[in-house]
PDB file of N, CA and C in Angstrom:
ATOM      1  N   MET A   1      36.109 -54.946 -24.255  1.00  0.00           N
ATOM      2  CA  MET A   1      35.257 -54.565 -25.376  1.00  0.00           C
ATOM      3  C   MET A   1      35.431 -55.577 -26.498  1.00  0.00           C
ATOM      4  N   THR A   2      34.345 -56.098 -27.004  1.00  0.00           N
ATOM      5  CA  THR A   2      34.378 -57.086 -28.072  1.00  0.00           C
ATOM      6  C   THR A   2      34.167 -56.400 -29.412  1.00  0.00           C
ATOM      7  N   ILE A   3      35.011 -56.719 -30.368  1.00  0.00           N
ATOM      8  CA  ILE A   3      34.871 -56.176 -31.721  1.00  0.00           C
ATOM      9  C   ILE A   3      34.013 -57.144 -32.521  1.00  0.00           C
ATOM     10  N   VAL A   4      32.895 -56.671 -33.001  1.00  0.00           N
ATOM     11  CA  VAL A   4      32.004 -57.500 -33.796  1.00  0.00           C
ATOM     12  C   VAL A   4      32.551 -57.542 -35.216  1.00  0.00           C
ATOM     13  N   VAL A   5      32.639 -58.747 -35.758  1.00  0.00           N
ATOM     14  CA  VAL A   5      33.196 -58.918 -37.098  1.00  0.00           C
ATOM     15  C   VAL A   5      32.120 -59.488 -38.014  1.00  0.00           C
ATOM     16  N   MET A   6      32.039 -58.914 -39.204  1.00  0.00           N
ATOM     17  CA  MET A   6      31.128 -59.420 -40.225  1.00  0.00           C
ATOM     18  C   MET A   6      31.958 -60.207 -41.232  1.00  0.00           C
ATOM     19  N   THR A   7      31.317 -61.036 -41.996  1.00  0.00           N
ATOM     20  CA  THR A   7      32.002 -61.736 -43.076  1.00  0.00           C
ATOM     21  C   THR A   7      31.258 -61.536 -44.380  1.00  0.00           C
ATOM     22  N   ALA A   8      32.018 -61.580 -45.454  1.00  0.00           N
ATOM     23  CA  ALA A   8      31.457 -61.520 -46.806  1.00  0.00           C
ATOM     24  C   ALA A   8      32.292 -62.440 -47.667  1.00  0.00           C
ATOM     25  N   SER A   9      31.739 -62.875 -48.775  1.00  0.00           N
ATOM     26  CA  SER A   9      32.460 -63.786 -49.662  1.00  0.00           C
ATOM     27  C   SER A   9      33.354 -63.028 -50.634  1.00  0.00           C
ATOM     28  N   CYS A  10      34.558 -63.533 -50.816  1.00  0.00           N
ATOM     29  CA  CYS A  10      35.484 -62.971 -51.792  1.00  0.00           C
ATOM     30  C   CYS A  10      34.961 -63.304 -53.191  1.00  0.00           C
ATOM     31  N   PRO A  11      34.804 -62.311 -54.064  1.00  0.00           N
ATOM     32  CA  PRO A  11      34.315 -62.591 -55.418  1.00  0.00           C
ATOM     33  C   PRO A  11      35.340 -63.332 -56.278  1.00  0.00           C
ATOM     34  N   GLU A  12      36.583 -63.375 -55.858  1.00  0.00           N
ATOM     35  CA  GLU A  12      37.645 -64.039 -56.617  1.00  0.00           C
ATOM     36  C   GLU A  12      37.743 -65.524 -56.278  1.00  0.00           C
ATOM     37  N   CYS A  13      37.735 -65.861 -54.959  1.00  0.00           N
ATOM     38  CA  CYS A  13      37.960 -67.256 -54.565  1.00  0.00           C
ATOM     39  C   CYS A  13      36.857 -67.826 -53.676  1.00  0.00           C
ATOM     40  N   ALA A  14      35.861 -67.020 -53.330  1.00  0.00           N
ATOM     41  CA  ALA A  14      34.703 -67.419 -52.519  1.00  0.00           C
ATOM     42  C   ALA A  14      35.043 -67.682 -51.053  1.00  0.00           C
ATOM     43  N   ALA A  15      36.232 -67.316 -50.592  1.00  0.00           N
ATOM     44  CA  ALA A  15      36.586 -67.467 -49.184  1.00  0.00           C
ATOM     45  C   ALA A  15      35.840 -66.429 -48.356  1.00  0.00           C
ATOM     46  N   ALA A  16      35.667 -66.717 -47.078  1.00  0.00           N
ATOM     47  CA  ALA A  16      35.037 -65.761 -46.174  1.00  0.00           C
ATOM     48  C   ALA A  16      36.056 -64.689 -45.799  1.00  0.00           C
ATOM     49  N   VAL A  17      35.693 -63.432 -46.025  1.00  0.00           N
ATOM     50  CA  VAL A  17      36.555 -62.298 -45.698  1.00  0.00           C
ATOM     51  C   VAL A  17      35.975 -61.634 -44.456  1.00  0.00           C
ATOM     52  N   LYS A  18      36.791 -61.536 -43.394  1.00  0.00           N
ATOM     53  CA  LYS A  18      36.339 -60.910 -42.153  1.00  0.00           C
ATOM     54  C   LYS A  18      36.472 -59.403 -42.266  1.00  0.00           C
ATOM     55  N   LEU A  19      35.417 -58.709 -41.831  1.00  0.00           N
ATOM     56  CA  LEU A  19      35.376 -57.249 -41.891  1.00  0.00           C
ATOM     57  C   LEU A  19      34.987 -56.695 -40.528  1.00  0.00           C
ATOM     58  N   ALA A  20      35.530 -55.543 -40.174  1.00  0.00           N
ATOM     59  CA  ALA A  20      35.142 -54.878 -38.937  1.00  0.00           C
ATOM     60  C   ALA A  20      33.695 -54.422 -39.056  1.00  0.00           C
ATOM     61  N   GLN A  21      33.011 -54.337 -37.937  1.00  0.00           N
ATOM     62  CA  GLN A  21      31.608 -53.920 -37.921  1.00  0.00           C
ATOM     63  C   GLN A  21      31.434 -52.521 -38.505  1.00  0.00           C
ATOM     64  N   ASP A  22      32.458 -51.657 -38.333  1.00  0.00           N
ATOM     65  CA  ASP A  22      32.343 -50.269 -38.805  1.00  0.00           C
ATOM     66  C   ASP A  22      32.947 -50.047 -40.191  1.00  0.00           C
ATOM     67  N   VAL A  23      33.027 -51.115 -40.983  1.00  0.00           N
ATOM     68  CA  VAL A  23      33.576 -50.994 -42.331  1.00  0.00           C
ATOM     69  C   VAL A  23      32.722 -50.008 -43.135  1.00  0.00           C
ATOM     70  N   GLU A  24      33.378 -49.232 -43.991  1.00  0.00           N
ATOM     71  CA  GLU A  24      32.673 -48.205 -44.752  1.00  0.00           C
ATOM     72  C   GLU A  24      32.664 -48.511 -46.239  1.00  0.00           C
ATOM     73  N   LYS A  25      31.628 -48.045 -46.906  1.00  0.00           N
ATOM     74  CA  LYS A  25      31.508 -48.189 -48.350  1.00  0.00           C
ATOM     75  C   LYS A  25      32.705 -47.512 -49.015  1.00  0.00           C
ATOM     76  N   GLY A  26      33.329 -48.189 -49.970  1.00  0.00           N
ATOM     77  CA  GLY A  26      34.484 -47.639 -50.662  1.00  0.00           C
ATOM     78  C   GLY A  26      35.813 -48.063 -50.054  1.00  0.00           C
ATOM     79  N   GLU A  27      35.773 -48.665 -48.870  1.00  0.00           N
ATOM     80  CA  GLU A  27      36.997 -49.114 -48.195  1.00  0.00           C
ATOM     81  C   GLU A  27      37.615 -50.289 -48.964  1.00  0.00           C
ATOM     82  N   ILE A  28      38.931 -50.354 -48.977  1.00  0.00           N
ATOM     83  CA  ILE A  28      39.638 -51.443 -49.646  1.00  0.00           C
ATOM     84  C   ILE A  28      40.123 -52.420 -48.590  1.00  0.00           C
ATOM     85  N   VAL A  29      39.813 -53.701 -48.796  1.00  0.00           N
ATOM     86  CA  VAL A  29      40.250 -54.766 -47.893  1.00  0.00           C
ATOM     87  C   VAL A  29      40.944 -55.829 -48.732  1.00  0.00           C
ATOM     88  N   GLN A  30      41.661 -56.731 -48.062  1.00  0.00           N
ATOM     89  CA  GLN A  30      42.377 -57.773 -48.796  1.00  0.00           C
ATOM     90  C   GLN A  30      41.891 -59.135 -48.337  1.00  0.00           C
ATOM     91  N   CYS A  31      41.729 -60.044 -49.288  1.00  0.00           N
ATOM     92  CA  CYS A  31      41.339 -61.422 -48.992  1.00  0.00           C
ATOM     93  C   CYS A  31      42.557 -62.151 -48.442  1.00  0.00           C
ATOM     94  N   ALA A  32      42.407 -62.778 -47.278  1.00  0.00           N
ATOM     95  CA  ALA A  32      43.509 -63.502 -46.655  1.00  0.00           C
ATOM     96  C   ALA A  32      43.859 -64.778 -47.430  1.00  0.00           C
ATOM     97  N   GLU A  33      42.915 -65.323 -48.172  1.00  0.00           N
ATOM     98  CA  GLU A  33      43.150 -66.566 -48.909  1.00  0.00           C
ATOM     99  C   GLU A  33      43.894 -66.357 -50.220  1.00  0.00           C
ATOM    100  N   CYS A  34      43.374 -65.468 -51.083  1.00  0.00           N
ATOM    101  CA  CYS A  34      43.954 -65.310 -52.422  1.00  0.00           C
ATOM    102  C   CYS A  34      44.740 -64.013 -52.596  1.00  0.00           C
ATOM    103  N   GLY A  35      44.625 -63.083 -51.621  1.00  0.00           N
ATOM    104  CA  GLY A  35      45.371 -61.833 -51.692  1.00  0.00           C
ATOM    105  C   GLY A  35      44.739 -60.763 -52.565  1.00  0.00           C
ATOM    106  N   ALA A  36      43.550 -61.028 -53.093  1.00  0.00           N
ATOM    107  CA  ALA A  36      42.882 -60.050 -53.957  1.00  0.00           C
ATOM    108  C   ALA A  36      42.517 -58.798 -53.165  1.00  0.00           C
ATOM    109  N   GLU A  37      42.673 -57.627 -53.797  1.00  0.00           N
ATOM    110  CA  GLU A  37      42.232 -56.378 -53.183  1.00  0.00           C
ATOM    111  C   GLU A  37      40.760 -56.194 -53.528  1.00  0.00           C
ATOM    112  N   LEU A  38      39.955 -55.973 -52.495  1.00  0.00           N
ATOM    113  CA  LEU A  38      38.507 -55.897 -52.656  1.00  0.00           C
ATOM    114  C   LEU A  38      37.983 -54.566 -52.153  1.00  0.00           C
ATOM    115  N   GLU A  39      36.985 -54.061 -52.845  1.00  0.00           N
ATOM    116  CA  GLU A  39      36.333 -52.823 -52.439  1.00  0.00           C
ATOM    117  C   GLU A  39      34.995 -53.160 -51.811  1.00  0.00           C
ATOM    118  N   VAL A  40      34.697 -52.515 -50.682  1.00  0.00           N
ATOM    119  CA  VAL A  40      33.389 -52.668 -50.058  1.00  0.00           C
ATOM    120  C   VAL A  40      32.417 -51.857 -50.906  1.00  0.00           C
ATOM    121  N   PHE A  41      31.559 -52.559 -51.649  1.00  0.00           N
ATOM    122  CA  PHE A  41      30.644 -51.907 -52.578  1.00  0.00           C
ATOM    123  C   PHE A  41      29.353 -51.497 -51.883  1.00  0.00           C
ATOM    124  N   GLU A  42      28.888 -52.323 -50.953  1.00  0.00           N
ATOM    125  CA  GLU A  42      27.694 -52.029 -50.158  1.00  0.00           C
ATOM    126  C   GLU A  42      27.963 -52.487 -48.728  1.00  0.00           C
ATOM    127  N   THR A  43      27.280 -51.860 -47.775  1.00  0.00           N
ATOM    128  CA  THR A  43      27.479 -52.245 -46.383  1.00  0.00           C
ATOM    129  C   THR A  43      26.278 -52.953 -45.761  1.00  0.00           C
ATOM    130  N   SER A  44      25.112 -52.877 -46.391  1.00  0.00           N
ATOM    131  CA  SER A  44      23.938 -53.528 -45.823  1.00  0.00           C
ATOM    132  C   SER A  44      23.039 -54.063 -46.925  1.00  0.00           C
ATOM    133  N   PRO A  45      23.158 -55.328 -47.294  1.00  0.00           N
ATOM    134  CA  PRO A  45      24.135 -56.294 -46.804  1.00  0.00           C
ATOM    135  C   PRO A  45      25.513 -56.017 -47.412  1.00  0.00           C
ATOM    136  N   VAL A  46      26.532 -56.564 -46.776  1.00  0.00           N
ATOM    137  CA  VAL A  46      27.898 -56.325 -47.237  1.00  0.00           C
ATOM    138  C   VAL A  46      28.121 -57.009 -48.581  1.00  0.00           C
ATOM    139  N   GLU A  47      28.647 -56.247 -49.534  1.00  0.00           N
ATOM    140  CA  GLU A  47      28.975 -56.783 -50.855  1.00  0.00           C
ATOM    141  C   GLU A  47      30.387 -56.332 -51.216  1.00  0.00           C
ATOM    142  N   LEU A  48      31.207 -57.289 -51.607  1.00  0.00           N
ATOM    143  CA  LEU A  48      32.579 -56.991 -52.016  1.00  0.00           C
ATOM    144  C   LEU A  48      32.716 -57.174 -53.514  1.00  0.00           C
ATOM    145  N   ARG A  49      33.514 -56.326 -54.116  1.00  0.00           N
ATOM    146  CA  ARG A  49      33.857 -56.449 -55.541  1.00  0.00           C
ATOM    147  C   ARG A  49      35.355 -56.276 -55.674  1.00  0.00           C
ATOM    148  N   LEU A  50      35.913 -56.780 -56.761  1.00  0.00           N
ATOM    149  CA  LEU A  50      37.335 -56.586 -56.997  1.00  0.00           C
ATOM    150  C   LEU A  50      37.620 -55.093 -57.089  1.00  0.00           C
ATOM    151  N   ALA A  51      38.652 -54.652 -56.389  1.00  0.00           N
ATOM    152  CA  ALA A  51      39.014 -53.229 -56.412  1.00  0.00           C
ATOM    153  C   ALA A  51      39.535 -52.881 -57.796  1.00  0.00           C
ATOM    154  N   PRO A  52      39.194 -51.697 -58.286  1.00  0.00           N
ATOM    155  CA  PRO A  52      39.694 -51.297 -59.606  1.00  0.00           C
ATOM    156  C   PRO A  52      41.209 -51.160 -59.590  1.00  0.00           C
ATOM    157  N   GLU A  53      41.827 -51.551 -60.683  1.00  0.00           N
ATOM    158  CA  GLU A  53      43.275 -51.422 -60.818  1.00  0.00           C
ATOM    159  C   GLU A  53      43.634 -49.949 -60.875  1.00  0.00           C
ATOM    160  N   GLU A  54      44.686 -49.579 -60.165  1.00  0.00           N
ATOM    161  CA  GLU A  54      45.161 -48.198 -60.259  1.00  0.00           C
ATOM    162  C   GLU A  54      45.935 -48.050 -61.538  1.00  0.00           C
ATOM    163  N   GLU A  55      45.620 -47.006 -62.282  1.00  0.00           N
ATOM    164  CA  GLU A  55      46.305 -46.785 -63.537  1.00  0.00           C
ATOM    165  C   GLU A  55      47.576 -45.989 -63.308  1.00  0.00           C
ATOM    166  N   GLU A  56      48.549 -46.202 -64.184  1.00  0.00           N
ATOM    167  CA  GLU A  56      49.799 -45.491 -64.079  1.00  0.00           C
ATOM    168  C   GLU A  56      49.589 -44.007 -64.359  1.00  0.00           C
ATOM    169  N   ASP A  57      50.270 -43.187 -63.605  1.00  0.00           N
ATOM    170  CA  ASP A  57      50.226 -41.743 -63.814  1.00  0.00           C
ATOM    171  C   ASP A  57      51.543 -41.373 -64.491  1.00  0.00           C
ATOM    172  N   TRP A  58      51.456 -41.081 -65.753  1.00  0.00           N
ATOM    173  CA  TRP A  58      52.662 -40.802 -66.534  1.00  0.00           C
ATOM    174  C   TRP A  58      53.007 -39.320 -66.517  1.00  0.00           C
ATOM    175  N   GLY A  59      52.579 -38.608 -65.484  1.00  0.00           N
ATOM    176  CA  GLY A  59      52.904 -37.206 -65.342  1.00  0.00           C
ATOM    177  C   GLY A  59      52.084 -36.298 -66.231  1.00  0.00           C
ATOM    178  N   GLU A  60      50.949 -36.781 -66.647  1.00  0.00           N
ATOM    179  CA  GLU A  60      50.100 -35.982 -67.530  1.00  0.00           C
ATOM    180  C   GLU A  60      49.164 -35.123 -66.729  1.00  0.00           C
TER     181      GLU A  60
END
């Protein structure tokens, strides 16, 4: 069985980021070149954006 891979450009460094064919909107992936965490914003066509920073939870 062959896994079909899609690619999209990293918004941070413009490198090609390989994605599984069944990638879902909202999924977090990492750029192999710069290490940036990216969120799959759209799936058709695939669009990546920098993942939002997680804020500290100070027990509130």
